[in-house]
């Protein structure tokens, strides 16, 4: 059995981003599984506050000692906050990707657009090959 967490209140992309919807605010980050696959994270590129995101499009990148991965947006909306702590110390994403390790907060145009994202159980089955 894996030691990865898959919080039930999140929706997941097959590219390993997660989104938590709270009213019209989406919190976006990457999953525990993605952090594990990346290894030691050394750089994080995120959009500026006020930037527009489009669902399914690239919004930045995360770089580790192993690879550089693009980050894809699970929602369409406007960036209202970004995790400056992670930009300064990107390795901290590994400490708690679902709480302190979030990347962006976005005011979403349509909170319902995450309905086609994977549930926790669907994502777990995908990454664990069940």
C-alpha atoms as a PDB file:
ATOM      1  CA  UNK A   1       0.000   0.000   0.000  1.00  0.00           C
ATOM      2  CA  UNK A   2       1.314   3.435  -0.846  1.00  0.00           C
ATOM      3  CA  UNK A   3       1.982   6.148   1.670  1.00  0.00           C
ATOM      4  CA  UNK A   4       0.575   8.867  -0.595  1.00  0.00           C
ATOM      5  CA  UNK A   5      -2.339  10.991   0.485  1.00  0.00           C
ATOM      6  CA  UNK A   6      -5.321  11.690  -1.754  1.00  0.00           C
ATOM      7  CA  UNK A   7      -7.599  14.122   0.125  1.00  0.00           C
ATOM      8  CA  UNK A   8     -11.227  13.465  -0.765  1.00  0.00           C
ATOM      9  CA  UNK A   9     -12.117  17.182  -0.916  1.00  0.00           C
ATOM     10  CA  UNK A  10      -9.800  17.779  -3.880  1.00  0.00           C
ATOM     11  CA  UNK A  11     -10.131  17.196  -7.614  1.00  0.00           C
ATOM     12  CA  UNK A  12      -7.116  16.012  -9.601  1.00  0.00           C
ATOM     13  CA  UNK A  13      -5.714  16.341 -13.108  1.00  0.00           C
ATOM     14  CA  UNK A  14      -3.991  13.436 -14.818  1.00  0.00           C
ATOM     15  CA  UNK A  15      -0.940  15.743 -14.959  1.00  0.00           C
ATOM     16  CA  UNK A  16      -0.823  15.638 -11.107  1.00  0.00           C
ATOM     17  CA  UNK A  17      -2.163  19.072 -10.211  1.00  0.00           C
ATOM     18  CA  UNK A  18      -4.909  19.300  -7.621  1.00  0.00           C
ATOM     19  CA  UNK A  19      -7.610  21.885  -7.043  1.00  0.00           C
ATOM     20  CA  UNK A  20      -9.660  22.666  -3.944  1.00  0.00           C
ATOM     21  CA  UNK A  21     -12.767  24.757  -4.578  1.00  0.00           C
ATOM     22  CA  UNK A  22     -14.077  26.953  -1.771  1.00  0.00           C
ATOM     23  CA  UNK A  23     -16.908  29.080  -3.133  1.00  0.00           C
ATOM     24  CA  UNK A  24     -15.366  30.981  -6.051  1.00  0.00           C
ATOM     25  CA  UNK A  25     -11.770  30.502  -4.868  1.00  0.00           C
ATOM     26  CA  UNK A  26      -9.656  27.624  -6.176  1.00  0.00           C
ATOM     27  CA  UNK A  27      -6.449  26.564  -4.455  1.00  0.00           C
ATOM     28  CA  UNK A  28      -4.040  24.851  -6.859  1.00  0.00           C
ATOM     29  CA  UNK A  29      -0.975  22.745  -6.148  1.00  0.00           C
ATOM     30  CA  UNK A  30       0.620  19.447  -7.056  1.00  0.00           C
ATOM     31  CA  UNK A  31       0.003  16.079  -5.480  1.00  0.00           C
ATOM     32  CA  UNK A  32       2.040  14.132  -2.987  1.00  0.00           C
ATOM     33  CA  UNK A  33       2.645  11.582  -5.752  1.00  0.00           C
ATOM     34  CA  UNK A  34       4.012  14.274  -8.106  1.00  0.00           C
ATOM     35  CA  UNK A  35       6.352  15.617  -5.421  1.00  0.00           C
ATOM     36  CA  UNK A  36       7.656  12.096  -4.855  1.00  0.00           C
ATOM     37  CA  UNK A  37       8.198  11.541  -8.587  1.00  0.00           C
ATOM     38  CA  UNK A  38      10.033  14.847  -8.991  1.00  0.00           C
ATOM     39  CA  UNK A  39      12.454  14.369  -6.140  1.00  0.00           C
ATOM     40  CA  UNK A  40      14.238  17.444  -4.754  1.00  0.00           C
ATOM     41  CA  UNK A  41      12.455  20.551  -6.035  1.00  0.00           C
ATOM     42  CA  UNK A  42      14.857  23.410  -6.792  1.00  0.00           C
ATOM     43  CA  UNK A  43      12.796  26.013  -8.678  1.00  0.00           C
ATOM     44  CA  UNK A  44       9.178  27.072  -9.046  1.00  0.00           C
ATOM     45  CA  UNK A  45       7.845  29.466 -11.663  1.00  0.00           C
ATOM     46  CA  UNK A  46       4.356  30.833 -11.002  1.00  0.00           C
ATOM     47  CA  UNK A  47       2.240  33.552 -12.627  1.00  0.00           C
ATOM     48  CA  UNK A  48       1.836  37.004 -11.100  1.00  0.00           C
ATOM     49  CA  UNK A  49      -1.175  38.172  -9.108  1.00  0.00           C
ATOM     50  CA  UNK A  50      -3.768  39.437 -11.578  1.00  0.00           C
ATOM     51  CA  UNK A  51      -2.711  37.037 -14.336  1.00  0.00           C
ATOM     52  CA  UNK A  52      -5.453  35.098 -16.096  1.00  0.00           C
ATOM     53  CA  UNK A  53      -5.393  31.292 -16.152  1.00  0.00           C
ATOM     54  CA  UNK A  54      -7.190  29.148 -18.682  1.00  0.00           C
ATOM     55  CA  UNK A  55      -8.311  25.642 -17.820  1.00  0.00           C
ATOM     56  CA  UNK A  56      -6.053  23.050 -19.405  1.00  0.00           C
ATOM     57  CA  UNK A  57      -3.285  25.521 -20.230  1.00  0.00           C
ATOM     58  CA  UNK A  58       0.197  25.839 -18.797  1.00  0.00           C
ATOM     59  CA  UNK A  59       0.605  28.386 -15.988  1.00  0.00           C
ATOM     60  CA  UNK A  60       4.174  27.815 -14.871  1.00  0.00           C
ATOM     61  CA  UNK A  61       6.752  25.156 -14.158  1.00  0.00           C
ATOM     62  CA  UNK A  62       8.359  23.209 -11.366  1.00  0.00           C
ATOM     63  CA  UNK A  63      11.967  22.107 -11.598  1.00  0.00           C
ATOM     64  CA  UNK A  64      13.679  19.365  -9.666  1.00  0.00           C
ATOM     65  CA  UNK A  65      17.104  17.807  -9.822  1.00  0.00           C
ATOM     66  CA  UNK A  66      15.523  15.184 -12.122  1.00  0.00           C
ATOM     67  CA  UNK A  67      13.212  17.132 -14.456  1.00  0.00           C
ATOM     68  CA  UNK A  68      11.306  20.272 -15.365  1.00  0.00           C
ATOM     69  CA  UNK A  69       7.539  19.831 -15.480  1.00  0.00           C
ATOM     70  CA  UNK A  70       4.924  22.222 -16.800  1.00  0.00           C
ATOM     71  CA  UNK A  71       2.028  23.086 -14.513  1.00  0.00           C
ATOM     72  CA  UNK A  72      -1.487  22.939 -15.979  1.00  0.00           C
ATOM     73  CA  UNK A  73      -4.475  24.862 -14.721  1.00  0.00           C
ATOM     74  CA  UNK A  74      -7.547  22.924 -13.597  1.00  0.00           C
ATOM     75  CA  UNK A  75      -9.656  26.107 -13.764  1.00  0.00           C
ATOM     76  CA  UNK A  76     -10.185  29.348 -15.682  1.00  0.00           C
ATOM     77  CA  UNK A  77      -9.884  32.478 -13.596  1.00  0.00           C
ATOM     78  CA  UNK A  78      -7.629  35.186 -12.170  1.00  0.00           C
ATOM     79  CA  UNK A  79      -4.686  34.686  -9.826  1.00  0.00           C
ATOM     80  CA  UNK A  80      -5.424  36.451  -6.509  1.00  0.00           C
ATOM     81  CA  UNK A  81      -2.611  35.008  -4.407  1.00  0.00           C
ATOM     82  CA  UNK A  82       0.568  33.015  -4.903  1.00  0.00           C
ATOM     83  CA  UNK A  83       2.645  31.185  -2.362  1.00  0.00           C
ATOM     84  CA  UNK A  84       5.685  33.466  -2.089  1.00  0.00           C
ATOM     85  CA  UNK A  85       7.233  31.175   0.529  1.00  0.00           C
ATOM     86  CA  UNK A  86       7.463  28.390  -2.038  1.00  0.00           C
ATOM     87  CA  UNK A  87       8.943  30.676  -4.670  1.00  0.00           C
ATOM     88  CA  UNK A  88      11.713  31.540  -2.195  1.00  0.00           C
ATOM     89  CA  UNK A  89      12.083  27.954  -0.890  1.00  0.00           C
ATOM     90  CA  UNK A  90      10.555  25.581  -3.469  1.00  0.00           C
ATOM     91  CA  UNK A  91      11.808  22.485  -1.656  1.00  0.00           C
ATOM     92  CA  UNK A  92       9.179  23.152   1.025  1.00  0.00           C
ATOM     93  CA  UNK A  93       6.462  21.836  -1.299  1.00  0.00           C
ATOM     94  CA  UNK A  94       7.548  18.364  -0.190  1.00  0.00           C
ATOM     95  CA  UNK A  95       6.731  19.095   3.463  1.00  0.00           C
ATOM     96  CA  UNK A  96       2.968  19.306   2.959  1.00  0.00           C
ATOM     97  CA  UNK A  97       1.782  19.703  -0.639  1.00  0.00           C
ATOM     98  CA  UNK A  98      -1.908  19.887   0.344  1.00  0.00           C
ATOM     99  CA  UNK A  99      -1.678  22.520   3.097  1.00  0.00           C
ATOM    100  CA  UNK A 100       1.377  24.783   3.233  1.00  0.00           C
ATOM    101  CA  UNK A 101       2.576  23.602  -0.181  1.00  0.00           C
ATOM    102  CA  UNK A 102      -0.185  25.146  -2.333  1.00  0.00           C
ATOM    103  CA  UNK A 103       0.912  27.217  -5.354  1.00  0.00           C
ATOM    104  CA  UNK A 104      -1.909  29.587  -6.292  1.00  0.00           C
ATOM    105  CA  UNK A 105      -5.280  30.875  -5.229  1.00  0.00           C
ATOM    106  CA  UNK A 106      -7.499  31.735  -8.181  1.00  0.00           C
ATOM    107  CA  UNK A 107     -10.880  33.486  -8.390  1.00  0.00           C
ATOM    108  CA  UNK A 108     -12.642  31.093 -10.752  1.00  0.00           C
ATOM    109  CA  UNK A 109     -15.052  32.057 -13.504  1.00  0.00           C
ATOM    110  CA  UNK A 110     -17.071  28.838 -13.089  1.00  0.00           C
ATOM    111  CA  UNK A 111     -16.517  26.640 -10.013  1.00  0.00           C
ATOM    112  CA  UNK A 112     -18.413  23.829 -11.755  1.00  0.00           C
ATOM    113  CA  UNK A 113     -15.722  23.403 -14.394  1.00  0.00           C
ATOM    114  CA  UNK A 114     -13.740  21.142 -12.026  1.00  0.00           C
ATOM    115  CA  UNK A 115     -16.482  18.524 -12.159  1.00  0.00           C
ATOM    116  CA  UNK A 116     -14.714  16.736 -15.015  1.00  0.00           C
ATOM    117  CA  UNK A 117     -11.460  16.496 -13.030  1.00  0.00           C
ATOM    118  CA  UNK A 118     -10.628  13.198 -11.340  1.00  0.00           C
ATOM    119  CA  UNK A 119     -11.947  12.339  -7.890  1.00  0.00           C
ATOM    120  CA  UNK A 120      -9.479  11.189  -5.240  1.00  0.00           C
ATOM    121  CA  UNK A 121     -10.374   7.543  -5.901  1.00  0.00           C
ATOM    122  CA  UNK A 122     -10.031   7.937  -9.682  1.00  0.00           C
ATOM    123  CA  UNK A 123      -6.658   9.663  -9.310  1.00  0.00           C
ATOM    124  CA  UNK A 124      -5.402   7.034  -6.846  1.00  0.00           C
ATOM    125  CA  UNK A 125      -6.396   4.261  -9.270  1.00  0.00           C
ATOM    126  CA  UNK A 126      -4.588   6.040 -12.109  1.00  0.00           C
ATOM    127  CA  UNK A 127      -1.275   6.641 -10.333  1.00  0.00           C
ATOM    128  CA  UNK A 128      -1.195   3.352  -8.463  1.00  0.00           C
ATOM    129  CA  UNK A 129      -2.185   1.385 -11.550  1.00  0.00           C
ATOM    130  CA  UNK A 130      -5.228  -0.250  -9.993  1.00  0.00           C
END
